[in-house]
């Protein structure tokens, strides 16, 4: 019987250059709020997307700038250079309990599916797979070609969790952030990290009425 994964206390968060930078920011925020230590790696393309989508011209030095100036939360984040394939998270002896790539660009997807390890995000992901640790990829692209579907399938067969950025609506979101938080909460759920921003499904209006009637 396979032993359960340990509770994630340190997670590698790779941010690649797909549209959807807010998914990365909210995932980072929720991990920090949960007390998880985060090894953060943001690709050059992702920094461009942060600038274009979030008006955030991040120089790669201060995690507080990604956390609305929250320096207490930023203390839980270590920043690694995208090109540094010799950084600690590139080794199975130093990688944390899980690797999350959010958003996962199609270029990064291709690299992960074919075993490439040319940058730290790719290397950390390959280490997670070979060491039997959680790898979660969050693609945000549509439509997908058969090539992309084959690559996602290959990653799933290799042990990765494919978690598309496809928010639900049953929690009645009122803002874009509500939608994004739903996906971020899904990521934390896969990692067995508790969060309080998105409540679990309680059975809908009818179930709530039934429970109320039982009281």
Protein backbone atom coordinates (compact mmCIF):
# COMPACT_ATOMS: atom_id res chain seq x y z
CA UNK A 1 0.00 0.00 0.00
CA UNK A 2 1.35 3.41 -0.96
CA UNK A 3 2.11 5.68 1.96
CA UNK A 4 0.18 8.99 1.97
CA UNK A 5 2.01 12.12 0.97
CA UNK A 6 3.26 14.16 3.92
CA UNK A 7 1.39 17.30 4.78
CA UNK A 8 2.89 20.09 2.64
CA UNK A 9 4.82 22.54 4.77
CA UNK A 10 7.03 23.84 2.01
CA UNK A 11 5.83 24.18 -1.56
CA UNK A 12 7.65 25.21 -4.71
CA UNK A 13 5.48 27.65 -6.66
CA UNK A 14 6.51 28.12 -10.27
CA UNK A 15 4.88 30.93 -12.21
CA UNK A 16 5.22 30.66 -15.98
CA UNK A 17 4.24 33.08 -18.69
CA UNK A 18 0.64 32.15 -19.42
CA UNK A 19 -2.18 34.62 -19.08
CA UNK A 20 -3.71 34.37 -15.62
CA UNK A 21 -1.12 35.98 -13.35
CA UNK A 22 -3.83 36.57 -10.77
CA UNK A 23 -4.11 32.80 -10.27
CA UNK A 24 -0.48 32.80 -9.17
CA UNK A 25 -0.90 35.79 -6.87
CA UNK A 26 -3.95 34.34 -5.14
CA UNK A 27 -2.36 30.91 -4.78
CA UNK A 28 0.70 32.54 -3.22
CA UNK A 29 -1.52 34.54 -0.89
CA UNK A 30 -3.50 31.51 0.26
CA UNK A 31 -0.40 29.39 0.80
CA UNK A 32 1.15 32.10 2.93
CA UNK A 33 -2.08 32.58 4.89
CA UNK A 34 -2.02 28.84 5.62
CA UNK A 35 1.48 29.12 7.08
CA UNK A 36 3.16 27.25 4.23
CA UNK A 37 6.72 28.18 3.34
CA UNK A 38 6.96 28.91 -0.37
CA UNK A 39 9.91 28.58 -2.73
CA UNK A 40 8.90 31.01 -5.48
CA UNK A 41 10.22 31.08 -9.03
CA UNK A 42 8.78 33.52 -11.56
CA UNK A 43 9.85 33.23 -15.18
CA UNK A 44 10.80 36.32 -17.22
CA UNK A 45 7.68 35.83 -19.34
CA UNK A 46 5.55 35.66 -16.20
CA UNK A 47 6.99 38.95 -14.99
CA UNK A 48 5.89 40.48 -18.28
CA UNK A 49 2.37 39.08 -17.77
CA UNK A 50 2.31 40.50 -14.22
CA UNK A 51 3.08 43.90 -15.71
CA UNK A 52 0.50 43.64 -18.50
CA UNK A 53 -2.35 42.07 -16.51
CA UNK A 54 -1.79 43.39 -12.99
CA UNK A 55 0.15 46.64 -13.60
CA UNK A 56 2.81 45.09 -11.37
CA UNK A 57 6.34 45.89 -12.50
CA UNK A 58 8.03 43.39 -10.23
CA UNK A 59 11.83 43.38 -10.09
CA UNK A 60 12.02 39.88 -8.64
CA UNK A 61 13.50 40.94 -5.32
CA UNK A 62 10.73 41.48 -2.78
CA UNK A 63 7.88 39.01 -2.27
CA UNK A 64 5.92 41.62 -0.33
CA UNK A 65 5.26 43.38 -3.62
CA UNK A 66 3.29 40.30 -4.70
CA UNK A 67 1.41 40.18 -1.40
CA UNK A 68 -0.03 43.69 -1.25
CA UNK A 69 2.89 44.84 0.88
CA UNK A 70 2.35 42.18 3.54
CA UNK A 71 5.87 41.76 4.91
CA UNK A 72 4.84 39.25 7.55
CA UNK A 73 3.54 36.91 4.85
CA UNK A 74 6.58 37.64 2.67
CA UNK A 75 8.83 36.21 5.38
CA UNK A 76 7.51 32.77 4.39
CA UNK A 77 8.66 33.19 0.77
CA UNK A 78 12.08 32.48 -0.69
CA UNK A 79 12.65 33.75 -4.21
CA UNK A 80 14.76 31.78 -6.69
CA UNK A 81 16.06 32.82 -10.08
CA UNK A 82 14.39 31.12 -13.03
CA UNK A 83 17.76 30.31 -14.63
CA UNK A 84 19.34 28.89 -11.47
CA UNK A 85 19.09 25.15 -12.10
CA UNK A 86 21.52 24.62 -9.22
CA UNK A 87 19.25 26.21 -6.59
CA UNK A 88 18.17 23.95 -3.69
CA UNK A 89 14.71 23.17 -5.13
CA UNK A 90 16.51 21.56 -8.09
CA UNK A 91 17.50 18.65 -5.85
CA UNK A 92 15.37 15.90 -4.40
CA UNK A 93 17.23 16.29 -1.11
CA UNK A 94 16.13 19.91 -0.75
CA UNK A 95 12.85 20.19 -2.64
CA UNK A 96 9.76 20.70 -0.50
CA UNK A 97 6.77 18.41 -0.38
CA UNK A 98 5.12 19.62 -3.58
CA UNK A 99 5.55 21.60 -6.78
CA UNK A 100 2.80 23.79 -8.24
CA UNK A 101 3.04 25.47 -11.64
CA UNK A 102 0.36 28.16 -11.91
CA UNK A 103 -0.41 29.31 -14.48
CA UNK A 104 1.27 26.68 -16.62
CA UNK A 105 2.00 27.99 -20.09
CA UNK A 106 1.88 25.67 -23.07
CA UNK A 107 5.64 26.10 -23.51
CA UNK A 108 6.21 25.00 -19.92
CA UNK A 109 3.70 22.18 -20.39
CA UNK A 110 5.70 20.91 -23.36
CA UNK A 111 8.91 21.01 -21.33
CA UNK A 112 7.42 19.14 -18.40
CA UNK A 113 5.80 16.47 -20.59
CA UNK A 114 9.01 15.76 -22.50
CA UNK A 115 11.30 15.66 -19.47
CA UNK A 116 13.08 18.93 -20.17
CA UNK A 117 14.88 20.59 -17.25
CA UNK A 118 16.32 23.76 -18.76
CA UNK A 119 15.21 26.14 -16.02
CA UNK A 120 14.36 25.91 -12.33
CA UNK A 121 10.60 25.47 -12.82
CA UNK A 122 11.13 22.58 -15.20
CA UNK A 123 13.85 21.08 -13.02
CA UNK A 124 11.78 21.25 -9.80
CA UNK A 125 8.84 19.65 -11.58
CA UNK A 126 10.98 16.81 -12.92
CA UNK A 127 12.43 16.25 -9.45
CA UNK A 128 8.91 16.08 -7.99
CA UNK A 129 7.95 13.41 -10.51
CA UNK A 130 11.06 11.29 -10.03
CA UNK A 131 10.85 11.55 -6.24
CA UNK A 132 7.15 10.67 -6.17
CA UNK A 133 6.05 14.03 -4.77
CA UNK A 134 3.03 16.03 -5.76
CA UNK A 135 3.22 17.99 -8.98
CA UNK A 136 0.22 20.18 -9.76
CA UNK A 137 -0.01 21.96 -13.11
CA UNK A 138 -2.65 24.62 -13.73
CA UNK A 139 -3.00 25.24 -17.47
CA UNK A 140 -4.99 28.27 -18.55
CA UNK A 141 -5.48 28.03 -22.26
CA UNK A 142 -8.30 27.30 -24.67
CA UNK A 143 -8.85 25.72 -27.10
CA UNK A 144 -6.35 22.89 -26.71
CA UNK A 145 -4.88 20.96 -29.61
CA UNK A 146 -4.41 17.20 -29.61
CA UNK A 147 -0.72 17.84 -28.94
CA UNK A 148 -1.56 19.74 -25.77
CA UNK A 149 -4.03 17.08 -24.67
CA UNK A 150 -1.43 14.38 -25.28
CA UNK A 151 1.08 16.30 -23.19
CA UNK A 152 -1.40 16.76 -20.35
CA UNK A 153 -2.22 13.06 -20.53
CA UNK A 154 1.48 12.18 -20.41
CA UNK A 155 1.92 14.30 -17.28
CA UNK A 156 -1.10 12.69 -15.65
CA UNK A 157 0.28 9.23 -16.43
CA UNK A 158 3.61 10.30 -14.92
CA UNK A 159 1.84 11.18 -11.66
CA UNK A 160 1.05 14.88 -12.00
CA UNK A 161 -2.28 16.43 -11.07
CA UNK A 162 -3.71 18.40 -13.99
CA UNK A 163 -5.90 21.14 -12.52
CA UNK A 164 -7.19 23.46 -15.26
CA UNK A 165 -7.96 27.05 -14.36
CA UNK A 166 -11.69 26.39 -14.70
CA UNK A 167 -13.51 27.98 -11.75
CA UNK A 168 -16.91 26.80 -10.65
CA UNK A 169 -19.96 28.95 -10.05
CA UNK A 170 -21.82 26.97 -7.40
CA UNK A 171 -20.31 29.16 -4.68
CA UNK A 172 -22.01 32.17 -6.31
CA UNK A 173 -18.96 34.32 -7.04
CA UNK A 174 -19.45 38.06 -7.00
CA UNK A 175 -16.10 39.13 -8.39
CA UNK A 176 -13.20 37.99 -10.53
CA UNK A 177 -11.21 37.39 -7.35
CA UNK A 178 -13.93 35.04 -6.10
CA UNK A 179 -13.56 33.00 -9.30
CA UNK A 180 -9.77 32.96 -9.07
CA UNK A 181 -9.87 32.01 -5.39
CA UNK A 182 -12.01 29.00 -6.26
CA UNK A 183 -9.18 27.61 -8.40
CA UNK A 184 -6.52 28.54 -5.83
CA UNK A 185 -8.56 26.74 -3.16
CA UNK A 186 -8.66 23.67 -5.41
CA UNK A 187 -4.86 23.76 -5.59
CA UNK A 188 -4.57 23.93 -1.81
CA UNK A 189 -7.10 21.12 -1.51
CA UNK A 190 -4.94 18.85 -3.68
CA UNK A 191 -2.01 19.70 -1.40
CA UNK A 192 -4.06 18.99 1.74
CA UNK A 193 -3.47 22.54 2.91
CA UNK A 194 -6.44 23.99 4.81
CA UNK A 195 -7.84 27.35 3.75
CA UNK A 196 -10.80 29.45 4.83
CA UNK A 197 -11.41 31.73 1.85
CA UNK A 198 -13.61 29.34 -0.12
CA UNK A 199 -16.12 27.27 1.83
CA UNK A 200 -16.58 23.61 0.90
CA UNK A 201 -19.71 22.57 -0.96
CA UNK A 202 -22.52 22.16 1.56
CA UNK A 203 -25.16 20.61 -0.68
CA UNK A 204 -26.84 23.64 -2.22
CA UNK A 205 -29.94 25.60 -1.30
CA UNK A 206 -32.24 22.57 -1.01
CA UNK A 207 -29.83 20.72 1.27
CA UNK A 208 -29.39 23.82 3.42
CA UNK A 209 -33.18 24.14 3.74
CA UNK A 210 -33.45 20.49 4.74
CA UNK A 211 -30.79 20.89 7.39
CA UNK A 212 -32.51 23.99 8.69
CA UNK A 213 -35.77 22.07 8.94
CA UNK A 214 -34.12 19.31 10.97
CA UNK A 215 -33.13 21.72 13.71
